[in-house]
Structure formats: C-alpha cells, structure tokens
Amino acid sequence: MEISGIISAILIGIVVGILGRLVVPGRQRIGVLWTILVGIAAALVGTGIAAGFDVADTKGIDWIELAIQTGLAALGVAALDRFKSRS
C-alpha cells in the first residue's frame, strides 16, 4: 500500500467514525481519538466486506460500501462507549 492509500484510508476513517458517532443515539463517553480509530478500523473492515459482496468497485461513489463502513463504525462506537462506561 502506498502512502497516498494510507492517507486516504485515514481520511475516510475519520469521516466514517464521525458518521458512525452521529448514528448512535445519545451521548457517547469516548474521545475524538477513539472515534477516529474506530472509524479507521470500520473503514478497513467495511472495505473487505464490500469486496466480499462484490460491491466495492462501482462507478462514482460507493454508497453501499460507505453504508457498511458507517454501520460498523456505529457498532464500534456503541460497543466502546458501553465498555468504557463499565470501567
């Protein structure tokens, strides 16, 4: 993976993390850094899932891939918030 691919994965991860956080209702007790890390992980895993379903490479914006990534980010944010509230 080239440096441009890494930078784009980080930027997409930030956007996906923010979208995932917006989807989860209520207030989350996790910081911005955790949101970004969850978003990056969700973007990478979501891309793999989208490639498995053969919806990762479409003309224009990959809306299905973005929906998968956002859903994974929302699950990750909710799980991390629940884990941190128990601690």
PDB file of N, CA and C in Angstrom:
ATOM      1  N   MET A   1       0.853  -1.176   0.000  1.00  0.00           N
ATOM      2  CA  MET A   1       0.000   0.000   0.000  1.00  0.00           C
ATOM      3  C   MET A   1       0.896   1.235   0.000  1.00  0.00           C
ATOM      4  N   GLU A   2       0.578   2.140  -0.882  1.00  0.00           N
ATOM      5  CA  GLU A   2       1.361   3.369  -0.997  1.00  0.00           C
ATOM      6  C   GLU A   2       0.933   4.374   0.057  1.00  0.00           C
ATOM      7  N   ILE A   3       1.730   5.417   0.223  1.00  0.00           N
ATOM      8  CA  ILE A   3       1.460   6.448   1.229  1.00  0.00           C
ATOM      9  C   ILE A   3       0.139   7.160   0.940  1.00  0.00           C
ATOM     10  N   SER A   4      -0.181   7.347  -0.337  1.00  0.00           N
ATOM     11  CA  SER A   4      -1.448   8.004  -0.673  1.00  0.00           C
ATOM     12  C   SER A   4      -2.632   7.134  -0.263  1.00  0.00           C
ATOM     13  N   GLY A   5      -2.502   5.822  -0.371  1.00  0.00           N
ATOM     14  CA  GLY A   5      -3.559   4.920   0.070  1.00  0.00           C
ATOM     15  C   GLY A   5      -3.739   4.946   1.570  1.00  0.00           C
ATOM     16  N   ILE A   6      -2.643   5.056   2.307  1.00  0.00           N
ATOM     17  CA  ILE A   6      -2.706   5.130   3.767  1.00  0.00           C
ATOM     18  C   ILE A   6      -3.363   6.427   4.202  1.00  0.00           C
ATOM     19  N   ILE A   7      -2.976   7.524   3.569  1.00  0.00           N
ATOM     20  CA  ILE A   7      -3.561   8.829   3.915  1.00  0.00           C
ATOM     21  C   ILE A   7      -5.048   8.848   3.596  1.00  0.00           C
ATOM     22  N   SER A   8      -5.437   8.300   2.446  1.00  0.00           N
ATOM     23  CA  SER A   8      -6.864   8.281   2.104  1.00  0.00           C
ATOM     24  C   SER A   8      -7.642   7.365   3.054  1.00  0.00           C
ATOM     25  N   ALA A   9      -7.037   6.253   3.496  1.00  0.00           N
ATOM     26  CA  ALA A   9      -7.706   5.374   4.461  1.00  0.00           C
ATOM     27  C   ALA A   9      -7.926   6.098   5.787  1.00  0.00           C
ATOM     28  N   ILE A  10      -6.966   6.894   6.206  1.00  0.00           N
ATOM     29  CA  ILE A  10      -7.104   7.664   7.450  1.00  0.00           C
ATOM     30  C   ILE A  10      -8.196   8.715   7.306  1.00  0.00           C
ATOM     31  N   LEU A  11      -8.199   9.429   6.192  1.00  0.00           N
ATOM     32  CA  LEU A  11      -9.219  10.466   5.985  1.00  0.00           C
ATOM     33  C   LEU A  11     -10.622   9.863   5.892  1.00  0.00           C
ATOM     34  N   ILE A  12     -10.758   8.773   5.173  1.00  0.00           N
ATOM     35  CA  ILE A  12     -12.054   8.109   5.078  1.00  0.00           C
ATOM     36  C   ILE A  12     -12.453   7.566   6.442  1.00  0.00           C
ATOM     37  N   GLY A  13     -11.481   7.045   7.198  1.00  0.00           N
ATOM     38  CA  GLY A  13     -11.751   6.548   8.543  1.00  0.00           C
ATOM     39  C   GLY A  13     -12.255   7.628   9.472  1.00  0.00           C
ATOM     40  N   ILE A  14     -11.715   8.825   9.353  1.00  0.00           N
ATOM     41  CA  ILE A  14     -12.181   9.946  10.174  1.00  0.00           C
ATOM     42  C   ILE A  14     -13.642  10.264   9.852  1.00  0.00           C
ATOM     43  N   VAL A  15     -13.954  10.341   8.573  1.00  0.00           N
ATOM     44  CA  VAL A  15     -15.326  10.649   8.161  1.00  0.00           C
ATOM     45  C   VAL A  15     -16.274   9.537   8.599  1.00  0.00           C
ATOM     46  N   VAL A  16     -15.865   8.286   8.409  1.00  0.00           N
ATOM     47  CA  VAL A  16     -16.707   7.153   8.789  1.00  0.00           C
ATOM     48  C   VAL A  16     -16.912   7.125  10.302  1.00  0.00           C
ATOM     49  N   GLY A  17     -15.873   7.424  11.068  1.00  0.00           N
ATOM     50  CA  GLY A  17     -16.005   7.465  12.523  1.00  0.00           C
ATOM     51  C   GLY A  17     -16.979   8.527  12.984  1.00  0.00           C
ATOM     52  N   ILE A  18     -16.898   9.691  12.375  1.00  0.00           N
ATOM     53  CA  ILE A  18     -17.826  10.776  12.727  1.00  0.00           C
ATOM     54  C   ILE A  18     -19.259  10.397  12.347  1.00  0.00           C
ATOM     55  N   LEU A  19     -19.437   9.816  11.161  1.00  0.00           N
ATOM     56  CA  LEU A  19     -20.777   9.386  10.752  1.00  0.00           C
ATOM     57  C   LEU A  19     -21.314   8.303  11.691  1.00  0.00           C
ATOM     58  N   GLY A  20     -20.454   7.378  12.061  1.00  0.00           N
ATOM     59  CA  GLY A  20     -20.869   6.330  12.991  1.00  0.00           C
ATOM     60  C   GLY A  20     -21.276   6.886  14.341  1.00  0.00           C
ATOM     61  N   ARG A  21     -20.555   7.885  14.786  1.00  0.00           N
ATOM     62  CA  ARG A  21     -20.886   8.513  16.074  1.00  0.00           C
ATOM     63  C   ARG A  21     -22.207   9.271  15.992  1.00  0.00           C
ATOM     64  N   LEU A  22     -22.486   9.877  14.851  1.00  0.00           N
ATOM     65  CA  LEU A  22     -23.746  10.597  14.672  1.00  0.00           C
ATOM     66  C   LEU A  22     -24.937   9.650  14.618  1.00  0.00           C
ATOM     67  N   VAL A  23     -24.728   8.434  14.136  1.00  0.00           N
ATOM     68  CA  VAL A  23     -25.803   7.457  14.015  1.00  0.00           C
ATOM     69  C   VAL A  23     -26.232   6.929  15.381  1.00  0.00           C
ATOM     70  N   VAL A  24     -25.270   6.800  16.307  1.00  0.00           N
ATOM     71  CA  VAL A  24     -25.571   6.252  17.632  1.00  0.00           C
ATOM     72  C   VAL A  24     -26.326   7.307  18.438  1.00  0.00           C
ATOM     73  N   PRO A  25     -27.514   6.954  18.963  1.00  0.00           N
ATOM     74  CA  PRO A  25     -28.276   7.939  19.733  1.00  0.00           C
ATOM     75  C   PRO A  25     -27.655   8.194  21.105  1.00  0.00           C
ATOM     76  N   GLY A  26     -27.904   9.367  21.622  1.00  0.00           N
ATOM     77  CA  GLY A  26     -27.413   9.713  22.960  1.00  0.00           C
ATOM     78  C   GLY A  26     -25.994  10.240  22.927  1.00  0.00           C
ATOM     79  N   ARG A  27     -25.488  10.447  24.128  1.00  0.00           N
ATOM     80  CA  ARG A  27     -24.139  10.989  24.270  1.00  0.00           C
ATOM     81  C   ARG A  27     -23.154   9.842  24.465  1.00  0.00           C
ATOM     82  N   GLN A  28     -22.047   9.890  23.741  1.00  0.00           N
ATOM     83  CA  GLN A  28     -21.010   8.887  23.887  1.00  0.00           C
ATOM     84  C   GLN A  28     -19.894   9.431  24.765  1.00  0.00           C
ATOM     85  N   ARG A  29     -19.368   8.577  25.608  1.00  0.00           N
ATOM     86  CA  ARG A  29     -18.318   8.985  26.546  1.00  0.00           C
ATOM     87  C   ARG A  29     -16.936   8.590  26.046  1.00  0.00           C
ATOM     88  N   ILE A  30     -16.742   8.624  24.752  1.00  0.00           N
ATOM     89  CA  ILE A  30     -15.423   8.320  24.212  1.00  0.00           C
ATOM     90  C   ILE A  30     -14.887   9.582  23.546  1.00  0.00           C
ATOM     91  N   GLY A  31     -13.591   9.661  23.467  1.00  0.00           N
ATOM     92  CA  GLY A  31     -12.953  10.844  22.913  1.00  0.00           C
ATOM     93  C   GLY A  31     -12.876  10.826  21.398  1.00  0.00           C
ATOM     94  N   VAL A  32     -12.363  11.901  20.868  1.00  0.00           N
ATOM     95  CA  VAL A  32     -12.234  12.059  19.423  1.00  0.00           C
ATOM     96  C   VAL A  32     -11.232  11.045  18.860  1.00  0.00           C
ATOM     97  N   LEU A  33     -10.146  10.808  19.574  1.00  0.00           N
ATOM     98  CA  LEU A  33      -9.140   9.861  19.095  1.00  0.00           C
ATOM     99  C   LEU A  33      -9.724   8.458  18.970  1.00  0.00           C
ATOM    100  N   TRP A  34     -10.520   8.022  19.961  1.00  0.00           N
ATOM    101  CA  TRP A  34     -11.158   6.714  19.877  1.00  0.00           C
ATOM    102  C   TRP A  34     -12.136   6.663  18.714  1.00  0.00           C
ATOM    103  N   THR A  35     -12.853   7.745  18.479  1.00  0.00           N
ATOM    104  CA  THR A  35     -13.794   7.801  17.363  1.00  0.00           C
ATOM    105  C   THR A  35     -13.058   7.635  16.041  1.00  0.00           C
ATOM    106  N   ILE A  36     -11.921   8.300  15.909  1.00  0.00           N
ATOM    107  CA  ILE A  36     -11.126   8.201  14.685  1.00  0.00           C
ATOM    108  C   ILE A  36     -10.587   6.787  14.513  1.00  0.00           C
ATOM    109  N   LEU A  37     -10.080   6.186  15.587  1.00  0.00           N
ATOM    110  CA  LEU A  37      -9.532   4.833  15.499  1.00  0.00           C
ATOM    111  C   LEU A  37     -10.617   3.815  15.142  1.00  0.00           C
ATOM    112  N   VAL A  38     -11.795   3.965  15.744  1.00  0.00           N
ATOM    113  CA  VAL A  38     -12.910   3.079  15.399  1.00  0.00           C
ATOM    114  C   VAL A  38     -13.297   3.288  13.938  1.00  0.00           C
ATOM    115  N   GLY A  39     -13.300   4.527  13.480  1.00  0.00           N
ATOM    116  CA  GLY A  39     -13.636   4.821  12.084  1.00  0.00           C
ATOM    117  C   GLY A  39     -12.645   4.230  11.108  1.00  0.00           C
ATOM    118  N   ILE A  40     -11.369   4.293  11.426  1.00  0.00           N
ATOM    119  CA  ILE A  40     -10.343   3.717  10.548  1.00  0.00           C
ATOM    120  C   ILE A  40     -10.509   2.205  10.486  1.00  0.00           C
ATOM    121  N   ALA A  41     -10.710   1.570  11.645  1.00  0.00           N
ATOM    122  CA  ALA A  41     -10.912   0.121  11.664  1.00  0.00           C
ATOM    123  C   ALA A  41     -12.174  -0.263  10.890  1.00  0.00           C
ATOM    124  N   ALA A  42     -13.248   0.493  11.074  1.00  0.00           N
ATOM    125  CA  ALA A  42     -14.506   0.211  10.369  1.00  0.00           C
ATOM    126  C   ALA A  42     -14.344   0.403   8.865  1.00  0.00           C
ATOM    127  N   ALA A  43     -13.571   1.405   8.464  1.00  0.00           N
ATOM    128  CA  ALA A  43     -13.342   1.639   7.037  1.00  0.00           C
ATOM    129  C   ALA A  43     -12.581   0.474   6.417  1.00  0.00           C
ATOM    130  N   LEU A  44     -11.578  -0.015   7.102  1.00  0.00           N
ATOM    131  CA  LEU A  44     -10.793  -1.133   6.565  1.00  0.00           C
ATOM    132  C   LEU A  44     -11.619  -2.419   6.511  1.00  0.00           C
ATOM    133  N   VAL A  45     -12.309  -2.736   7.599  1.00  0.00           N
ATOM    134  CA  VAL A  45     -13.118  -3.957   7.636  1.00  0.00           C
ATOM    135  C   VAL A  45     -14.292  -3.845   6.661  1.00  0.00           C
ATOM    136  N   GLY A  46     -14.910  -2.677   6.612  1.00  0.00           N
ATOM    137  CA  GLY A  46     -16.035  -2.461   5.699  1.00  0.00           C
ATOM    138  C   GLY A  46     -15.639  -2.598   4.245  1.00  0.00           C
ATOM    139  N   THR A  47     -14.437  -2.163   3.908  1.00  0.00           N
ATOM    140  CA  THR A  47     -13.955  -2.326   2.541  1.00  0.00           C
ATOM    141  C   THR A  47     -13.785  -3.801   2.212  1.00  0.00           C
ATOM    142  N   GLY A  48     -13.282  -4.570   3.178  1.00  0.00           N
ATOM    143  CA  GLY A  48     -13.136  -6.008   2.968  1.00  0.00           C
ATOM    144  C   GLY A  48     -14.473  -6.704   2.785  1.00  0.00           C
ATOM    145  N   ILE A  49     -15.451  -6.323   3.598  1.00  0.00           N
ATOM    146  CA  ILE A  49     -16.788  -6.910   3.479  1.00  0.00           C
ATOM    147  C   ILE A  49     -17.421  -6.532   2.141  1.00  0.00           C
ATOM    148  N   ALA A  50     -17.284  -5.272   1.757  1.00  0.00           N
ATOM    149  CA  ALA A  50     -17.843  -4.822   0.477  1.00  0.00           C
ATOM    150  C   ALA A  50     -17.181  -5.545  -0.692  1.00  0.00           C
ATOM    151  N   ALA A  51     -15.885  -5.782  -0.597  1.00  0.00           N
ATOM    152  CA  ALA A  51     -15.191  -6.523  -1.650  1.00  0.00           C
ATOM    153  C   ALA A  51     -15.684  -7.972  -1.691  1.00  0.00           C
ATOM    154  N   GLY A  52     -15.977  -8.546  -0.514  1.00  0.00           N
ATOM    155  CA  GLY A  52     -16.501  -9.906  -0.461  1.00  0.00           C
ATOM    156  C   GLY A  52     -17.869 -10.027  -1.116  1.00  0.00           C
ATOM    157  N   PHE A  53     -18.686  -9.005  -1.003  1.00  0.00           N
ATOM    158  CA  PHE A  53     -20.003  -8.979  -1.641  1.00  0.00           C
ATOM    159  C   PHE A  53     -19.956  -8.400  -3.052  1.00  0.00           C
ATOM    160  N   ASP A  54     -18.753  -8.047  -3.510  1.00  0.00           N
ATOM    161  CA  ASP A  54     -18.518  -7.516  -4.857  1.00  0.00           C
ATOM    162  C   ASP A  54     -19.265  -6.207  -5.107  1.00  0.00           C
ATOM    163  N   VAL A  55     -19.303  -5.336  -4.093  1.00  0.00           N
ATOM    164  CA  VAL A  55     -19.920  -4.018  -4.251  1.00  0.00           C
ATOM    165  C   VAL A  55     -18.923  -2.894  -3.971  1.00  0.00           C
ATOM    166  N   ALA A  56     -17.639  -3.232  -3.901  1.00  0.00           N
ATOM    167  CA  ALA A  56     -16.630  -2.236  -3.546  1.00  0.00           C
ATOM    168  C   ALA A  56     -16.228  -1.360  -4.726  1.00  0.00           C
ATOM    169  N   ASP A  57     -16.309  -1.882  -5.927  1.00  0.00           N
ATOM    170  CA  ASP A  57     -15.871  -1.131  -7.102  1.00  0.00           C
ATOM    171  C   ASP A  57     -17.053  -0.834  -8.007  1.00  0.00           C
ATOM    172  N   THR A  58     -17.621   0.349  -7.820  1.00  0.00           N
ATOM    173  CA  THR A  58     -18.720   0.792  -8.665  1.00  0.00           C
ATOM    174  C   THR A  58     -18.332   2.128  -9.275  1.00  0.00           C
ATOM    175  N   LYS A  59     -19.097   2.552 -10.250  1.00  0.00           N
ATOM    176  CA  LYS A  59     -18.849   3.853 -10.849  1.00  0.00           C
ATOM    177  C   LYS A  59     -19.338   4.934  -9.894  1.00  0.00           C
ATOM    178  N   GLY A  60     -18.529   5.945  -9.676  1.00  0.00           N
ATOM    179  CA  GLY A  60     -18.926   7.029  -8.782  1.00  0.00           C
ATOM    180  C   GLY A  60     -18.650   6.686  -7.335  1.00  0.00           C
ATOM    181  N   ILE A  61     -19.509   7.174  -6.461  1.00  0.00           N
ATOM    182  CA  ILE A  61     -19.344   6.961  -5.026  1.00  0.00           C
ATOM    183  C   ILE A  61     -19.906   5.590  -4.660  1.00  0.00           C
ATOM    184  N   ASP A  62     -19.175   4.856  -3.860  1.00  0.00           N
ATOM    185  CA  ASP A  62     -19.603   3.525  -3.433  1.00  0.00           C
ATOM    186  C   ASP A  62     -20.506   3.655  -2.210  1.00  0.00           C
ATOM    187  N   TRP A  63     -21.795   3.887  -2.446  1.00  0.00           N
ATOM    188  CA  TRP A  63     -22.738   4.147  -1.361  1.00  0.00           C
ATOM    189  C   TRP A  63     -22.941   2.927  -0.471  1.00  0.00           C
ATOM    190  N   ILE A  64     -22.975   1.750  -1.069  1.00  0.00           N
ATOM    191  CA  ILE A  64     -23.172   0.537  -0.273  1.00  0.00           C
ATOM    192  C   ILE A  64     -21.974   0.311   0.640  1.00  0.00           C
ATOM    193  N   GLU A  65     -20.786   0.504   0.106  1.00  0.00           N
ATOM    194  CA  GLU A  65     -19.575   0.361   0.916  1.00  0.00           C
ATOM    195  C   GLU A  65     -19.556   1.376   2.055  1.00  0.00           C
ATOM    196  N   LEU A  66     -19.943   2.600   1.770  1.00  0.00           N
ATOM    197  CA  LEU A  66     -19.995   3.634   2.802  1.00  0.00           C
ATOM    198  C   LEU A  66     -21.037   3.294   3.875  1.00  0.00           C
ATOM    199  N   ALA A  67     -22.163   2.732   3.474  1.00  0.00           N
ATOM    200  CA  ALA A  67     -23.193   2.326   4.446  1.00  0.00           C
ATOM    201  C   ALA A  67     -22.681   1.204   5.339  1.00  0.00           C
ATOM    202  N   ILE A  68     -21.969   0.248   4.763  1.00  0.00           N
ATOM    203  CA  ILE A  68     -21.392  -0.845   5.554  1.00  0.00           C
ATOM    204  C   ILE A  68     -20.375  -0.288   6.542  1.00  0.00           C
ATOM    205  N   GLN A  69     -19.511   0.599   6.080  1.00  0.00           N
ATOM    206  CA  GLN A  69     -18.487   1.191   6.943  1.00  0.00           C
ATOM    207  C   GLN A  69     -19.117   2.006   8.066  1.00  0.00           C
ATOM    208  N   THR A  70     -20.144   2.787   7.754  1.00  0.00           N
ATOM    209  CA  THR A  70     -20.808   3.601   8.764  1.00  0.00           C
ATOM    210  C   THR A  70     -21.513   2.725   9.796  1.00  0.00           C
ATOM    211  N   GLY A  71     -22.155   1.666   9.336  1.00  0.00           N
ATOM    212  CA  GLY A  71     -22.794   0.739  10.266  1.00  0.00           C
ATOM    213  C   GLY A  71     -21.789   0.080  11.201  1.00  0.00           C
ATOM    214  N   LEU A  72     -20.653  -0.333  10.661  1.00  0.00           N
ATOM    215  CA  LEU A  72     -19.612  -0.921  11.506  1.00  0.00           C
ATOM    216  C   LEU A  72     -19.057   0.098  12.492  1.00  0.00           C
ATOM    217  N   ALA A  73     -18.899   1.343  12.048  1.00  0.00           N
ATOM    218  CA  ALA A  73     -18.409   2.395  12.947  1.00  0.00           C
ATOM    219  C   ALA A  73     -19.414   2.656  14.064  1.00  0.00           C
ATOM    220  N   ALA A  74     -20.702   2.658  13.739  1.00  0.00           N
ATOM    221  CA  ALA A  74     -21.731   2.864  14.763  1.00  0.00           C
ATOM    222  C   ALA A  74     -21.699   1.738  15.790  1.00  0.00           C
ATOM    223  N   LEU A  75     -21.558   0.508  15.317  1.00  0.00           N
ATOM    224  CA  LEU A  75     -21.440  -0.627  16.238  1.00  0.00           C
ATOM    225  C   LEU A  75     -20.195  -0.507  17.109  1.00  0.00           C
ATOM    226  N   GLY A  76     -19.091  -0.103  16.489  1.00  0.00           N
ATOM    227  CA  GLY A  76     -17.846   0.053  17.240  1.00  0.00           C
ATOM    228  C   GLY A  76     -17.920   1.157  18.277  1.00  0.00           C
ATOM    229  N   VAL A  77     -18.520   2.283  17.915  1.00  0.00           N
ATOM    230  CA  VAL A  77     -18.660   3.407  18.855  1.00  0.00           C
ATOM    231  C   VAL A  77     -19.559   3.008  20.016  1.00  0.00           C
ATOM    232  N   ALA A  78     -20.672   2.347  19.706  1.00  0.00           N
ATOM    233  CA  ALA A  78     -21.596   1.929  20.757  1.00  0.00           C
ATOM    234  C   ALA A  78     -20.942   0.905  21.683  1.00  0.00           C
ATOM    235  N   ALA A  79     -20.215  -0.045  21.120  1.00  0.00           N
ATOM    236  CA  ALA A  79     -19.550  -1.067  21.939  1.00  0.00           C
ATOM    237  C   ALA A  79     -18.462  -0.456  22.810  1.00  0.00           C
ATOM    238  N   LEU A  80     -17.674   0.442  22.253  1.00  0.00           N
ATOM    239  CA  LEU A  80     -16.605   1.078  23.020  1.00  0.00           C
ATOM    240  C   LEU A  80     -17.178   1.973  24.114  1.00  0.00           C
ATOM    241  N   ASP A  81     -18.264   2.671  23.815  1.00  0.00           N
ATOM    242  CA  ASP A  81     -18.917   3.508  24.821  1.00  0.00           C
ATOM    243  C   ASP A  81     -19.442   2.658  25.967  1.00  0.00           C
ATOM    244  N   ARG A  82     -20.057   1.547  25.640  1.00  0.00           N
ATOM    245  CA  ARG A  82     -20.578   0.646  26.676  1.00  0.00           C
ATOM    246  C   ARG A  82     -19.439   0.055  27.507  1.00  0.00           C
ATOM    247  N   PHE A  83     -18.333  -0.307  26.850  1.00  0.00           N
ATOM    248  CA  PHE A  83     -17.177  -0.855  27.558  1.00  0.00           C
ATOM    249  C   PHE A  83     -16.550   0.179  28.490  1.00  0.00           C
ATOM    250  N   LYS A  84     -16.421   1.406  27.996  1.00  0.00           N
ATOM    251  CA  LYS A  84     -15.793   2.452  28.819  1.00  0.00           C
ATOM    252  C   LYS A  84     -16.711   2.907  29.967  1.00  0.00           C
ATOM    253  N   SER A  85     -18.033   2.807  29.793  1.00  0.00           N
ATOM    254  CA  SER A  85     -18.933   3.213  30.870  1.00  0.00           C
ATOM    255  C   SER A  85     -18.925   2.187  32.011  1.00  0.00           C
ATOM    256  N   ARG A  86     -18.591   0.941  31.715  1.00  0.00           N
ATOM    257  CA  ARG A  86     -18.494  -0.084  32.744  1.00  0.00           C
ATOM    258  C   ARG A  86     -17.236   0.087  33.592  1.00  0.00           C
ATOM    259  N   SER A  87     -16.210   0.644  32.983  1.00  0.00           N
ATOM    260  CA  SER A  87     -14.927   0.784  33.693  1.00  0.00           C
ATOM    261  C   SER A  87     -14.955   1.872  34.737  1.00  0.00           C
TER     262      SER A  87
END
